[in-house]
Amino acid sequence: MLAIDHIVIASNDPEKSAHHFANTYGLSTVSGGNHDSWGTYNHLCFLGNGCYLEWLGISNQEKATNADNPLIQQLSIHLNQRGEGVFQVALRTDSINSFIHHFRENDIPFQGPLDGSRKKPDGSILSWRMLFPSGQETLPFLIEWGEGSMPTSKETNNEFLSSVKIGVNDREKTGERFNQIYRLQDNHAEWKLTNSELLLTDKKNMEIKIGATIIQDF
């Protein structure tokens, strides 16, 4: 079963963006760390149901431009073409190998798995693997954390991520694709994950709901 792991937000200044969000909504945020090989860094907001928001920015343009990681490529495109804002959703799995098998068996194109790591402010290293299903539209990617590597924080907020809405052109068609790719069975518009809800909407911008507060493409 999948869970919402984190929401990725493109930012020219992750710390400034995260602090503005924290002041606006009364939530705590923390420094994440550096992805040295990709030329990026982040700032985070941990929520009470095992997920978080990630403001992701570029610290080394040359490394980011040459990165073979689809997420970093998507970040660069979003910042260049649309500016700051939500651009990706990570879905957590504890068996990324089963999805690789599923994709191959069903001729679903994908990139990965790609290894990732970052150094936390305390010097410790987090590690993970990512899998990117391919398509004309940007699809959520899958993440599997290494043993003992799932990020946590003493600054975790009590508020829960209630839902994530992804804007699509055709909910029925895209819902069928989501069912095929992610093995979700509820219906073609919404799915209950282990910690939240994933929904498709006709609105163009991504929308998240924290508790009763709706936040659109911030």
N, C-alpha and C. Protein backbone atom coordinates (compact mmCIF):
# COMPACT_ATOMS: atom_id res chain seq x y z
N MET A 1 0.84 -1.19 0.00
CA MET A 1 0.00 0.00 0.00
C MET A 1 0.88 1.24 0.00
N LEU A 2 0.49 2.23 -0.78
CA LEU A 2 1.26 3.45 -0.89
C LEU A 2 0.84 4.49 0.15
N ALA A 3 1.76 5.42 0.42
CA ALA A 3 1.49 6.56 1.29
C ALA A 3 2.02 7.81 0.62
N ILE A 4 1.46 8.96 0.98
CA ILE A 4 2.08 10.23 0.58
C ILE A 4 3.35 10.38 1.39
N ASP A 5 4.48 10.49 0.72
CA ASP A 5 5.74 10.70 1.45
C ASP A 5 6.02 12.18 1.60
N HIS A 6 6.05 12.90 0.47
CA HIS A 6 6.25 14.35 0.57
C HIS A 6 5.79 15.06 -0.69
N ILE A 7 5.54 16.35 -0.52
CA ILE A 7 5.16 17.26 -1.60
C ILE A 7 6.40 18.11 -1.92
N VAL A 8 6.75 18.22 -3.21
CA VAL A 8 7.96 18.95 -3.59
C VAL A 8 7.58 20.30 -4.18
N ILE A 9 8.18 21.36 -3.65
CA ILE A 9 7.88 22.73 -4.03
C ILE A 9 9.15 23.39 -4.57
N ALA A 10 9.11 23.85 -5.81
CA ALA A 10 10.25 24.54 -6.40
C ALA A 10 10.41 25.91 -5.75
N SER A 11 11.64 26.26 -5.40
CA SER A 11 11.88 27.54 -4.73
C SER A 11 13.25 28.09 -5.11
N ASN A 12 13.31 29.39 -5.31
CA ASN A 12 14.59 30.05 -5.53
C ASN A 12 15.36 30.23 -4.23
N ASP A 13 14.65 30.21 -3.11
CA ASP A 13 15.25 30.36 -1.79
C ASP A 13 14.43 29.52 -0.81
N PRO A 14 14.74 28.22 -0.67
CA PRO A 14 13.93 27.32 0.15
C PRO A 14 13.73 27.79 1.60
N GLU A 15 14.77 28.33 2.22
CA GLU A 15 14.63 28.76 3.60
C GLU A 15 13.64 29.92 3.70
N LYS A 16 13.76 30.90 2.81
CA LYS A 16 12.86 32.05 2.83
C LYS A 16 11.42 31.61 2.54
N SER A 17 11.24 30.74 1.55
CA SER A 17 9.90 30.27 1.19
C SER A 17 9.27 29.49 2.33
N ALA A 18 10.06 28.62 2.97
CA ALA A 18 9.54 27.81 4.08
C ALA A 18 9.17 28.69 5.27
N HIS A 19 9.99 29.68 5.57
CA HIS A 19 9.69 30.57 6.69
C HIS A 19 8.43 31.39 6.43
N HIS A 20 8.24 31.83 5.18
CA HIS A 20 7.02 32.56 4.84
C HIS A 20 5.80 31.67 5.03
N PHE A 21 5.90 30.44 4.58
CA PHE A 21 4.81 29.48 4.76
C PHE A 21 4.54 29.24 6.24
N ALA A 22 5.60 29.06 7.01
CA ALA A 22 5.46 28.81 8.45
C ALA A 22 4.77 29.97 9.15
N ASN A 23 5.15 31.19 8.80
CA ASN A 23 4.54 32.36 9.43
C ASN A 23 3.08 32.53 9.02
N THR A 24 2.77 32.16 7.78
CA THR A 24 1.41 32.30 7.28
C THR A 24 0.45 31.31 7.93
N TYR A 25 0.92 30.07 8.11
CA TYR A 25 0.03 29.00 8.57
C TYR A 25 0.32 28.51 9.98
N GLY A 26 1.27 29.14 10.66
CA GLY A 26 1.55 28.77 12.04
C GLY A 26 2.16 27.39 12.20
N LEU A 27 3.02 27.01 11.28
CA LEU A 27 3.67 25.71 11.32
C LEU A 27 5.17 25.86 11.45
N SER A 28 5.82 24.84 11.97
CA SER A 28 7.27 24.85 12.12
C SER A 28 7.94 24.24 10.91
N THR A 29 9.07 24.80 10.50
CA THR A 29 9.88 24.25 9.41
C THR A 29 11.32 24.10 9.88
N VAL A 30 12.07 23.25 9.20
CA VAL A 30 13.46 22.99 9.59
C VAL A 30 14.33 22.91 8.34
N SER A 31 15.63 23.13 8.52
CA SER A 31 16.58 22.95 7.43
C SER A 31 16.70 21.47 7.13
N GLY A 32 16.74 21.13 5.85
CA GLY A 32 16.90 19.74 5.45
C GLY A 32 18.34 19.37 5.27
N GLY A 33 18.95 19.82 4.19
CA GLY A 33 20.34 19.52 3.93
C GLY A 33 20.67 19.68 2.46
N ASN A 34 21.82 19.14 2.07
CA ASN A 34 22.33 19.31 0.72
C ASN A 34 22.37 17.99 -0.04
N HIS A 35 22.01 18.07 -1.33
CA HIS A 35 22.19 16.95 -2.24
C HIS A 35 23.41 17.31 -3.09
N ASP A 36 24.60 16.96 -2.60
CA ASP A 36 25.83 17.47 -3.21
C ASP A 36 25.98 17.08 -4.67
N SER A 37 25.60 15.85 -5.03
CA SER A 37 25.82 15.39 -6.40
C SER A 37 24.84 16.02 -7.39
N TRP A 38 23.73 16.58 -6.89
CA TRP A 38 22.72 17.18 -7.77
C TRP A 38 22.75 18.70 -7.74
N GLY A 39 23.50 19.29 -6.82
CA GLY A 39 23.54 20.75 -6.73
C GLY A 39 22.28 21.36 -6.20
N THR A 40 21.60 20.67 -5.27
CA THR A 40 20.35 21.17 -4.71
C THR A 40 20.38 21.09 -3.18
N TYR A 41 19.44 21.79 -2.56
CA TYR A 41 19.29 21.76 -1.11
C TYR A 41 17.82 21.99 -0.77
N ASN A 42 17.44 21.74 0.49
CA ASN A 42 16.02 21.84 0.82
C ASN A 42 15.76 22.35 2.22
N HIS A 43 14.50 22.69 2.44
CA HIS A 43 13.96 23.08 3.74
C HIS A 43 12.64 22.34 3.88
N LEU A 44 12.27 21.91 5.09
CA LEU A 44 11.20 20.94 5.27
C LEU A 44 10.18 21.36 6.31
N CYS A 45 8.95 20.87 6.13
CA CYS A 45 7.88 21.03 7.11
C CYS A 45 7.28 19.65 7.36
N PHE A 46 7.52 19.08 8.53
CA PHE A 46 7.04 17.75 8.86
C PHE A 46 5.63 17.82 9.44
N LEU A 47 4.76 16.93 8.95
CA LEU A 47 3.37 16.88 9.39
C LEU A 47 3.12 15.61 10.20
N GLY A 48 2.01 15.59 10.93
CA GLY A 48 1.79 14.56 11.94
C GLY A 48 1.46 13.18 11.42
N ASN A 49 1.18 13.03 10.13
CA ASN A 49 0.81 11.71 9.63
C ASN A 49 1.87 11.12 8.70
N GLY A 50 3.13 11.31 9.08
CA GLY A 50 4.22 10.64 8.40
C GLY A 50 4.52 11.15 7.02
N CYS A 51 4.38 12.45 6.79
CA CYS A 51 4.73 13.04 5.50
C CYS A 51 5.24 14.45 5.74
N TYR A 52 5.74 15.08 4.69
CA TYR A 52 6.30 16.42 4.86
C TYR A 52 6.24 17.20 3.56
N LEU A 53 6.44 18.51 3.69
CA LEU A 53 6.59 19.41 2.54
C LEU A 53 8.07 19.70 2.36
N GLU A 54 8.51 19.72 1.11
CA GLU A 54 9.91 19.98 0.80
C GLU A 54 10.03 21.17 -0.15
N TRP A 55 10.69 22.24 0.30
CA TRP A 55 11.04 23.34 -0.59
C TRP A 55 12.42 23.01 -1.15
N LEU A 56 12.50 22.83 -2.46
CA LEU A 56 13.72 22.36 -3.10
C LEU A 56 14.29 23.47 -3.98
N GLY A 57 15.56 23.77 -3.80
CA GLY A 57 16.20 24.83 -4.56
C GLY A 57 17.54 24.40 -5.11
N ILE A 58 18.10 25.21 -5.97
CA ILE A 58 19.38 24.92 -6.63
C ILE A 58 20.50 25.71 -5.98
N SER A 59 21.55 25.01 -5.58
CA SER A 59 22.72 25.65 -4.99
C SER A 59 23.89 25.70 -5.96
N ASN A 60 23.90 24.77 -6.93
CA ASN A 60 24.96 24.73 -7.93
C ASN A 60 24.30 24.49 -9.28
N GLN A 61 24.19 25.54 -10.07
CA GLN A 61 23.44 25.45 -11.33
C GLN A 61 24.06 24.45 -12.29
N GLU A 62 25.37 24.39 -12.36
CA GLU A 62 26.03 23.48 -13.30
C GLU A 62 25.71 22.02 -12.96
N LYS A 63 25.79 21.67 -11.67
CA LYS A 63 25.47 20.30 -11.26
C LYS A 63 24.00 19.99 -11.51
N ALA A 64 23.13 20.93 -11.20
CA ALA A 64 21.69 20.71 -11.41
C ALA A 64 21.38 20.53 -12.88
N THR A 65 22.00 21.33 -13.73
CA THR A 65 21.76 21.25 -15.17
C THR A 65 22.18 19.90 -15.73
N ASN A 66 23.27 19.35 -15.19
CA ASN A 66 23.82 18.09 -15.71
C ASN A 66 23.32 16.86 -14.97
N ALA A 67 22.45 17.05 -13.99
CA ALA A 67 21.96 15.91 -13.19
C ALA A 67 21.12 14.98 -14.05
N ASP A 68 21.29 13.66 -13.86
CA ASP A 68 20.48 12.69 -14.60
C ASP A 68 19.23 12.28 -13.83
N ASN A 69 18.97 12.95 -12.72
CA ASN A 69 17.80 12.68 -11.89
C ASN A 69 16.58 13.41 -12.48
N PRO A 70 15.52 12.70 -12.86
CA PRO A 70 14.34 13.36 -13.44
C PRO A 70 13.76 14.43 -12.53
N LEU A 71 13.83 14.24 -11.21
CA LEU A 71 13.27 15.24 -10.30
C LEU A 71 14.01 16.57 -10.41
N ILE A 72 15.32 16.52 -10.53
CA ILE A 72 16.11 17.75 -10.64
C ILE A 72 15.87 18.39 -12.00
N GLN A 73 15.70 17.57 -13.03
CA GLN A 73 15.36 18.10 -14.34
C GLN A 73 14.00 18.80 -14.32
N GLN A 74 13.02 18.18 -13.64
CA GLN A 74 11.70 18.79 -13.51
C GLN A 74 11.77 20.09 -12.71
N LEU A 75 12.60 20.11 -11.67
CA LEU A 75 12.78 21.32 -10.87
C LEU A 75 13.31 22.47 -11.74
N SER A 76 14.34 22.20 -12.52
CA SER A 76 14.93 23.24 -13.36
C SER A 76 13.93 23.77 -14.37
N ILE A 77 13.17 22.87 -14.99
CA ILE A 77 12.17 23.28 -15.97
C ILE A 77 11.10 24.14 -15.32
N HIS A 78 10.63 23.72 -14.13
CA HIS A 78 9.56 24.46 -13.45
C HIS A 78 10.03 25.86 -13.07
N LEU A 79 11.22 25.96 -12.51
CA LEU A 79 11.73 27.28 -12.11
C LEU A 79 11.93 28.18 -13.32
N ASN A 80 12.39 27.61 -14.44
CA ASN A 80 12.65 28.41 -15.63
C ASN A 80 11.37 28.82 -16.35
N GLN A 81 10.35 27.95 -16.34
CA GLN A 81 9.15 28.20 -17.14
C GLN A 81 7.98 28.72 -16.33
N ARG A 82 7.86 28.30 -15.07
CA ARG A 82 6.69 28.68 -14.27
C ARG A 82 7.05 29.42 -12.99
N GLY A 83 8.30 29.34 -12.59
CA GLY A 83 8.69 29.97 -11.33
C GLY A 83 8.46 29.05 -10.16
N GLU A 84 8.31 29.62 -8.99
CA GLU A 84 8.17 28.83 -7.77
C GLU A 84 6.79 28.19 -7.68
N GLY A 85 6.71 27.06 -6.95
CA GLY A 85 5.42 26.41 -6.75
C GLY A 85 5.54 24.91 -6.65
N VAL A 86 4.43 24.28 -6.28
CA VAL A 86 4.38 22.83 -6.17
C VAL A 86 4.53 22.20 -7.55
N PHE A 87 5.37 21.17 -7.65
CA PHE A 87 5.53 20.53 -8.95
C PHE A 87 5.63 19.01 -8.89
N GLN A 88 5.72 18.40 -7.71
CA GLN A 88 5.81 16.95 -7.66
C GLN A 88 5.25 16.40 -6.36
N VAL A 89 4.89 15.10 -6.42
CA VAL A 89 4.43 14.35 -5.26
C VAL A 89 5.21 13.05 -5.21
N ALA A 90 5.73 12.71 -4.04
CA ALA A 90 6.43 11.45 -3.85
C ALA A 90 5.52 10.48 -3.10
N LEU A 91 5.34 9.29 -3.65
CA LEU A 91 4.55 8.24 -3.01
C LEU A 91 5.50 7.21 -2.41
N ARG A 92 5.31 6.92 -1.14
CA ARG A 92 6.23 6.03 -0.44
C ARG A 92 5.80 4.57 -0.56
N THR A 93 6.77 3.71 -0.83
CA THR A 93 6.55 2.27 -0.87
C THR A 93 7.66 1.59 -0.09
N ASP A 94 7.38 0.40 0.42
CA ASP A 94 8.42 -0.39 1.08
C ASP A 94 8.89 -1.52 0.18
N SER A 95 8.48 -1.50 -1.09
CA SER A 95 8.88 -2.55 -2.03
C SER A 95 8.97 -1.99 -3.44
N ILE A 96 10.00 -1.20 -3.68
CA ILE A 96 10.15 -0.58 -4.99
C ILE A 96 10.44 -1.63 -6.06
N ASN A 97 11.05 -2.74 -5.65
CA ASN A 97 11.35 -3.81 -6.62
C ASN A 97 10.07 -4.41 -7.20
N SER A 98 9.01 -4.47 -6.39
CA SER A 98 7.76 -5.02 -6.90
C SER A 98 7.17 -4.11 -7.97
N PHE A 99 7.39 -2.80 -7.86
CA PHE A 99 6.91 -1.87 -8.89
C PHE A 99 7.75 -1.99 -10.16
N ILE A 100 9.04 -2.21 -10.01
CA ILE A 100 9.88 -2.43 -11.19
C ILE A 100 9.38 -3.64 -11.96
N HIS A 101 9.09 -4.72 -11.25
CA HIS A 101 8.55 -5.92 -11.88
C HIS A 101 7.20 -5.63 -12.53
N HIS A 102 6.34 -4.91 -11.82
CA HIS A 102 5.02 -4.55 -12.33
C HIS A 102 5.13 -3.71 -13.60
N PHE A 103 6.03 -2.74 -13.62
CA PHE A 103 6.21 -1.88 -14.79
C PHE A 103 6.70 -2.70 -15.99
N ARG A 104 7.66 -3.57 -15.75
CA ARG A 104 8.19 -4.37 -16.84
C ARG A 104 7.15 -5.35 -17.38
N GLU A 105 6.39 -5.96 -16.50
CA GLU A 105 5.39 -6.93 -16.91
C GLU A 105 4.26 -6.28 -17.71
N ASN A 106 4.00 -4.99 -17.45
CA ASN A 106 2.88 -4.30 -18.09
C ASN A 106 3.32 -3.25 -19.11
N ASP A 107 4.59 -3.31 -19.50
CA ASP A 107 5.14 -2.39 -20.51
C ASP A 107 4.89 -0.92 -20.15
N ILE A 108 5.06 -0.60 -18.87
CA ILE A 108 4.95 0.79 -18.41
C ILE A 108 6.35 1.41 -18.41
N PRO A 109 6.59 2.43 -19.21
CA PRO A 109 7.93 3.03 -19.26
C PRO A 109 8.29 3.70 -17.94
N PHE A 110 9.56 3.62 -17.58
CA PHE A 110 10.00 4.22 -16.32
C PHE A 110 11.49 4.52 -16.39
N GLN A 111 11.93 5.35 -15.44
CA GLN A 111 13.34 5.66 -15.24
C GLN A 111 13.72 5.27 -13.81
N GLY A 112 14.85 4.63 -13.67
CA GLY A 112 15.31 4.23 -12.35
C GLY A 112 15.45 2.72 -12.24
N PRO A 113 15.67 2.24 -11.00
CA PRO A 113 15.69 3.05 -9.77
C PRO A 113 16.97 3.88 -9.65
N LEU A 114 16.83 5.07 -9.08
CA LEU A 114 17.95 5.96 -8.86
C LEU A 114 18.23 6.07 -7.37
N ASP A 115 19.50 5.96 -7.01
CA ASP A 115 19.89 6.12 -5.61
C ASP A 115 20.01 7.60 -5.27
N GLY A 116 19.58 7.95 -4.07
CA GLY A 116 19.70 9.32 -3.59
C GLY A 116 20.22 9.36 -2.17
N SER A 117 20.81 10.48 -1.81
CA SER A 117 21.28 10.68 -0.43
C SER A 117 21.45 12.16 -0.19
N ARG A 118 21.41 12.53 1.06
CA ARG A 118 21.74 13.91 1.43
C ARG A 118 22.30 13.93 2.84
N LYS A 119 23.13 14.93 3.08
CA LYS A 119 23.72 15.11 4.41
C LYS A 119 22.85 16.05 5.22
N LYS A 120 22.40 15.58 6.39
CA LYS A 120 21.60 16.41 7.28
C LYS A 120 22.49 17.44 7.98
N PRO A 121 21.89 18.49 8.56
CA PRO A 121 22.70 19.48 9.28
C PRO A 121 23.57 18.88 10.39
N ASP A 122 23.14 17.74 10.97
CA ASP A 122 23.94 17.13 12.04
C ASP A 122 25.04 16.22 11.49
N GLY A 123 25.17 16.15 10.16
CA GLY A 123 26.22 15.36 9.55
C GLY A 123 25.83 13.95 9.16
N SER A 124 24.70 13.48 9.63
CA SER A 124 24.26 12.12 9.29
C SER A 124 23.74 12.07 7.86
N ILE A 125 23.72 10.87 7.29
CA ILE A 125 23.35 10.69 5.89
C ILE A 125 22.02 9.95 5.78
N LEU A 126 21.11 10.49 4.98
CA LEU A 126 19.87 9.80 4.63
C LEU A 126 20.05 9.19 3.24
N SER A 127 19.47 8.01 3.02
CA SER A 127 19.58 7.36 1.72
C SER A 127 18.22 6.84 1.28
N TRP A 128 18.01 6.77 -0.04
CA TRP A 128 16.73 6.33 -0.58
C TRP A 128 16.90 5.90 -2.03
N ARG A 129 15.83 5.28 -2.57
CA ARG A 129 15.77 4.95 -4.00
C ARG A 129 14.50 5.56 -4.58
N MET A 130 14.58 5.96 -5.86
CA MET A 130 13.44 6.58 -6.52
C MET A 130 13.15 5.87 -7.84
N LEU A 131 11.87 5.86 -8.21
CA LEU A 131 11.43 5.26 -9.46
C LEU A 131 10.45 6.23 -10.12
N PHE A 132 10.68 6.53 -11.40
CA PHE A 132 9.90 7.54 -12.10
C PHE A 132 9.14 6.93 -13.27
N PRO A 133 7.83 6.68 -13.11
CA PRO A 133 7.05 6.26 -14.28
C PRO A 133 7.01 7.40 -15.29
N SER A 134 7.12 7.06 -16.56
CA SER A 134 7.21 8.07 -17.62
C SER A 134 5.87 8.26 -18.32
N GLY A 135 5.66 9.45 -18.86
CA GLY A 135 4.45 9.74 -19.60
C GLY A 135 4.51 11.14 -20.14
N GLN A 136 3.49 11.52 -20.90
CA GLN A 136 3.45 12.88 -21.45
C GLN A 136 3.31 13.91 -20.33
N GLU A 137 2.55 13.57 -19.29
CA GLU A 137 2.40 14.44 -18.14
C GLU A 137 3.39 14.04 -17.06
N THR A 138 3.64 14.95 -16.12
CA THR A 138 4.49 14.63 -14.98
C THR A 138 3.70 13.79 -13.99
N LEU A 139 4.18 12.58 -13.72
CA LEU A 139 3.51 11.66 -12.81
C LEU A 139 4.21 11.63 -11.47
N PRO A 140 3.49 11.37 -10.37
CA PRO A 140 4.15 11.20 -9.08
C PRO A 140 5.24 10.13 -9.16
N PHE A 141 6.31 10.32 -8.41
CA PHE A 141 7.35 9.31 -8.39
C PHE A 141 7.28 8.49 -7.11
N LEU A 142 7.93 7.34 -7.13
CA LEU A 142 7.94 6.42 -6.00
C LEU A 142 9.26 6.54 -5.26
N ILE A 143 9.19 6.42 -3.94
CA ILE A 143 10.40 6.51 -3.12
C ILE A 143 10.39 5.39 -2.08
N GLU A 144 11.55 4.81 -1.87
CA GLU A 144 11.74 3.80 -0.83
C GLU A 144 12.96 4.21 -0.02
N TRP A 145 12.75 4.43 1.27
CA TRP A 145 13.83 4.87 2.14
C TRP A 145 14.71 3.70 2.57
N GLY A 146 16.01 3.98 2.69
CA GLY A 146 16.92 2.98 3.20
C GLY A 146 16.64 2.69 4.67
N GLU A 147 17.13 1.58 5.15
CA GLU A 147 16.87 1.17 6.54
C GLU A 147 17.35 2.25 7.50
N GLY A 148 16.44 2.71 8.35
CA GLY A 148 16.77 3.74 9.33
C GLY A 148 16.95 5.12 8.75
N SER A 149 16.57 5.32 7.49
CA SER A 149 16.84 6.60 6.82
C SER A 149 15.62 7.48 6.64
N MET A 150 14.42 7.01 6.96
CA MET A 150 13.26 7.87 6.75
C MET A 150 13.39 9.13 7.60
N PRO A 151 13.28 10.31 6.98
CA PRO A 151 13.52 11.55 7.73
C PRO A 151 12.47 11.81 8.79
N THR A 152 12.91 12.28 9.93
CA THR A 152 12.03 12.67 11.03
C THR A 152 12.55 13.98 11.62
N SER A 153 11.76 14.58 12.48
CA SER A 153 12.18 15.84 13.09
C SER A 153 11.50 16.02 14.44
N LYS A 154 12.22 16.60 15.38
CA LYS A 154 11.61 16.98 16.66
C LYS A 154 10.61 18.12 16.47
N GLU A 155 10.70 18.79 15.32
CA GLU A 155 9.81 19.91 15.02
C GLU A 155 8.59 19.46 14.20
N THR A 156 8.17 18.22 14.36
CA THR A 156 6.99 17.73 13.63
C THR A 156 5.74 18.44 14.12
N ASN A 157 4.93 18.91 13.18
CA ASN A 157 3.70 19.61 13.50
C ASN A 157 2.57 18.61 13.78
N ASN A 158 1.59 19.03 14.56
CA ASN A 158 0.46 18.16 14.88
C ASN A 158 -0.53 18.04 13.71
N GLU A 159 -0.55 19.02 12.83
CA GLU A 159 -1.49 19.01 11.73
C GLU A 159 -1.20 17.88 10.74
N PHE A 160 -2.25 17.34 10.15
CA PHE A 160 -2.14 16.25 9.19
C PHE A 160 -2.35 16.75 7.78
N LEU A 161 -1.71 16.08 6.83
CA LEU A 161 -2.00 16.30 5.42
C LEU A 161 -3.27 15.53 5.10
N SER A 162 -4.37 16.24 4.84
CA SER A 162 -5.66 15.59 4.62
C SER A 162 -5.78 15.02 3.22
N SER A 163 -5.33 15.79 2.21
CA SER A 163 -5.48 15.33 0.83
C SER A 163 -4.52 16.06 -0.09
N VAL A 164 -4.28 15.44 -1.22
CA VAL A 164 -3.49 16.04 -2.30
C VAL A 164 -4.31 15.94 -3.57
N LYS A 165 -4.52 17.06 -4.25
CA LYS A 165 -5.24 17.07 -5.52
C LYS A 165 -4.28 17.42 -6.64
N ILE A 166 -4.34 16.62 -7.70
CA ILE A 166 -3.48 16.83 -8.86
C ILE A 166 -4.35 17.23 -10.05
N GLY A 167 -4.03 18.34 -10.67
CA GLY A 167 -4.81 18.82 -11.81
C GLY A 167 -4.51 18.03 -13.07
N VAL A 168 -5.53 17.58 -13.77
CA VAL A 168 -5.38 16.81 -15.01
C VAL A 168 -6.39 17.30 -16.04
N ASN A 169 -6.17 16.95 -17.29
CA ASN A 169 -7.10 17.33 -18.35
C ASN A 169 -8.31 16.41 -18.43
N ASP A 170 -8.10 15.13 -18.12
CA ASP A 170 -9.16 14.13 -18.24
C ASP A 170 -9.08 13.20 -17.04
N ARG A 171 -9.95 13.41 -16.05
CA ARG A 171 -9.87 12.62 -14.82
C ARG A 171 -10.08 11.14 -15.07
N GLU A 172 -11.02 10.81 -15.95
CA GLU A 172 -11.32 9.40 -16.20
C GLU A 172 -10.12 8.69 -16.83
N LYS A 173 -9.58 9.30 -17.87
CA LYS A 173 -8.45 8.69 -18.56
C LYS A 173 -7.22 8.63 -17.66
N THR A 174 -6.93 9.75 -16.98
CA THR A 174 -5.77 9.78 -16.10
C THR A 174 -5.96 8.84 -14.92
N GLY A 175 -7.20 8.74 -14.41
CA GLY A 175 -7.47 7.82 -13.32
C GLY A 175 -7.20 6.38 -13.70
N GLU A 176 -7.54 6.02 -14.92
CA GLU A 176 -7.26 4.67 -15.40
C GLU A 176 -5.76 4.42 -15.43
N ARG A 177 -5.02 5.44 -15.87
CA ARG A 177 -3.55 5.32 -15.90
C ARG A 177 -2.99 5.18 -14.48
N PHE A 178 -3.53 5.97 -13.54
CA PHE A 178 -3.06 5.87 -12.16
C PHE A 178 -3.32 4.47 -11.61
N ASN A 179 -4.49 3.92 -11.90
CA ASN A 179 -4.79 2.57 -11.46
C ASN A 179 -3.80 1.57 -12.04
N GLN A 180 -3.48 1.74 -13.31
CA GLN A 180 -2.56 0.82 -13.96
C GLN A 180 -1.14 0.97 -13.40
N ILE A 181 -0.69 2.20 -13.27
CA ILE A 181 0.70 2.45 -12.88
C ILE A 181 0.94 2.15 -11.40
N TYR A 182 0.07 2.70 -10.55
CA TYR A 182 0.33 2.62 -9.10
C TYR A 182 -0.45 1.51 -8.40
N ARG A 183 -1.23 0.74 -9.17
CA ARG A 183 -2.01 -0.38 -8.62
C ARG A 183 -2.99 0.12 -7.55
N LEU A 184 -3.66 1.22 -7.86
CA LEU A 184 -4.68 1.79 -6.98
C LEU A 184 -6.04 1.33 -7.46
N GLN A 185 -6.93 0.96 -6.56
CA GLN A 185 -8.16 0.29 -6.97
C GLN A 185 -9.45 1.00 -6.57
N ASP A 186 -9.39 2.10 -5.84
CA ASP A 186 -10.63 2.70 -5.32
C ASP A 186 -11.57 3.14 -6.44
N ASN A 187 -11.20 4.13 -7.23
CA ASN A 187 -11.97 4.55 -8.40
C ASN A 187 -11.08 5.40 -9.29
N HIS A 188 -11.67 6.09 -10.24
CA HIS A 188 -10.85 6.83 -11.20
C HIS A 188 -10.62 8.28 -10.79
N ALA A 189 -11.03 8.67 -9.62
CA ALA A 189 -10.87 10.07 -9.23
C ALA A 189 -10.20 10.24 -7.87
N GLU A 190 -10.29 9.23 -7.00
CA GLU A 190 -9.70 9.40 -5.67
C GLU A 190 -9.30 8.05 -5.09
N TRP A 191 -8.24 8.12 -4.28
CA TRP A 191 -7.73 6.90 -3.66
C TRP A 191 -7.34 7.20 -2.22
N LYS A 192 -7.68 6.29 -1.33
CA LYS A 192 -7.27 6.41 0.07
C LYS A 192 -5.93 5.71 0.23
N LEU A 193 -4.90 6.47 0.53
CA LEU A 193 -3.59 5.92 0.81
C LEU A 193 -3.49 5.67 2.31
N THR A 194 -2.37 5.17 2.78
CA THR A 194 -2.29 4.80 4.19
C THR A 194 -2.34 5.99 5.13
N ASN A 195 -1.98 7.19 4.62
CA ASN A 195 -1.94 8.34 5.51
C ASN A 195 -2.69 9.56 5.00
N SER A 196 -3.29 9.48 3.83
CA SER A 196 -3.95 10.66 3.25
C SER A 196 -4.81 10.21 2.07
N GLU A 197 -5.31 11.19 1.31
CA GLU A 197 -6.08 10.90 0.11
C GLU A 197 -5.41 11.55 -1.09
N LEU A 198 -5.42 10.84 -2.21
CA LEU A 198 -4.93 11.35 -3.46
C LEU A 198 -6.12 11.50 -4.40
N LEU A 199 -6.31 12.71 -4.93
CA LEU A 199 -7.47 12.99 -5.78
C LEU A 199 -7.03 13.66 -7.06
N LEU A 200 -7.82 13.46 -8.10
CA LEU A 200 -7.61 14.16 -9.37
C LEU A 200 -8.66 15.24 -9.50
N THR A 201 -8.26 16.38 -10.07
CA THR A 201 -9.18 17.50 -10.23
C THR A 201 -8.99 18.13 -11.60
N ASP A 202 -10.03 18.80 -12.09
CA ASP A 202 -9.95 19.49 -13.36
C ASP A 202 -9.19 20.80 -13.25
N LYS A 203 -8.94 21.27 -12.03
CA LYS A 203 -8.17 22.49 -11.85
C LYS A 203 -6.73 22.26 -12.29
N LYS A 204 -6.11 23.27 -12.86
CA LYS A 204 -4.77 23.10 -13.40
C LYS A 204 -3.71 23.01 -12.30
N ASN A 205 -3.88 23.77 -11.24
CA ASN A 205 -2.86 23.82 -10.20
C ASN A 205 -3.03 22.70 -9.19
N MET A 206 -1.91 22.28 -8.62
CA MET A 206 -1.96 21.30 -7.57
C MET A 206 -2.49 21.94 -6.29
N GLU A 207 -3.20 21.16 -5.51
CA GLU A 207 -3.81 21.67 -4.28
C GLU A 207 -3.59 20.67 -3.16
N ILE A 208 -3.21 21.16 -1.99
CA ILE A 208 -3.10 20.29 -0.83
C ILE A 208 -3.98 20.84 0.29
N LYS A 209 -4.38 19.94 1.17
CA LYS A 209 -5.22 20.32 2.29
C LYS A 209 -4.55 19.84 3.57
N ILE A 210 -4.22 20.78 4.44
CA ILE A 210 -3.63 20.47 5.74
C ILE A 210 -4.67 20.77 6.80
N GLY A 211 -5.16 19.70 7.45
CA GLY A 211 -6.31 19.87 8.34
C GLY A 211 -7.49 20.35 7.53
N ALA A 212 -8.03 21.51 7.88
CA ALA A 212 -9.16 22.07 7.13
C ALA A 212 -8.72 23.19 6.19
N THR A 213 -7.42 23.46 6.12
CA THR A 213 -6.90 24.57 5.31
C THR A 213 -6.50 24.10 3.92
N ILE A 214 -7.07 24.70 2.90
CA ILE A 214 -6.75 24.37 1.52
C ILE A 214 -5.66 25.35 1.02
N ILE A 215 -4.62 24.78 0.47
CA ILE A 215 -3.49 25.58 -0.01
C ILE A 215 -3.28 25.24 -1.47
N GLN A 216 -3.32 26.21 -2.35
CA GLN A 216 -3.21 25.99 -3.78
C GLN A 216 -1.87 26.45 -4.31
N ASP A 217 -1.11 25.50 -4.85
CA ASP A 217 0.09 25.78 -5.61
C ASP A 217 0.92 26.94 -5.05
N PHE A 218 1.26 26.85 -3.77
CA PHE A 218 1.97 27.95 -3.11
C PHE A 218 3.46 27.94 -3.43
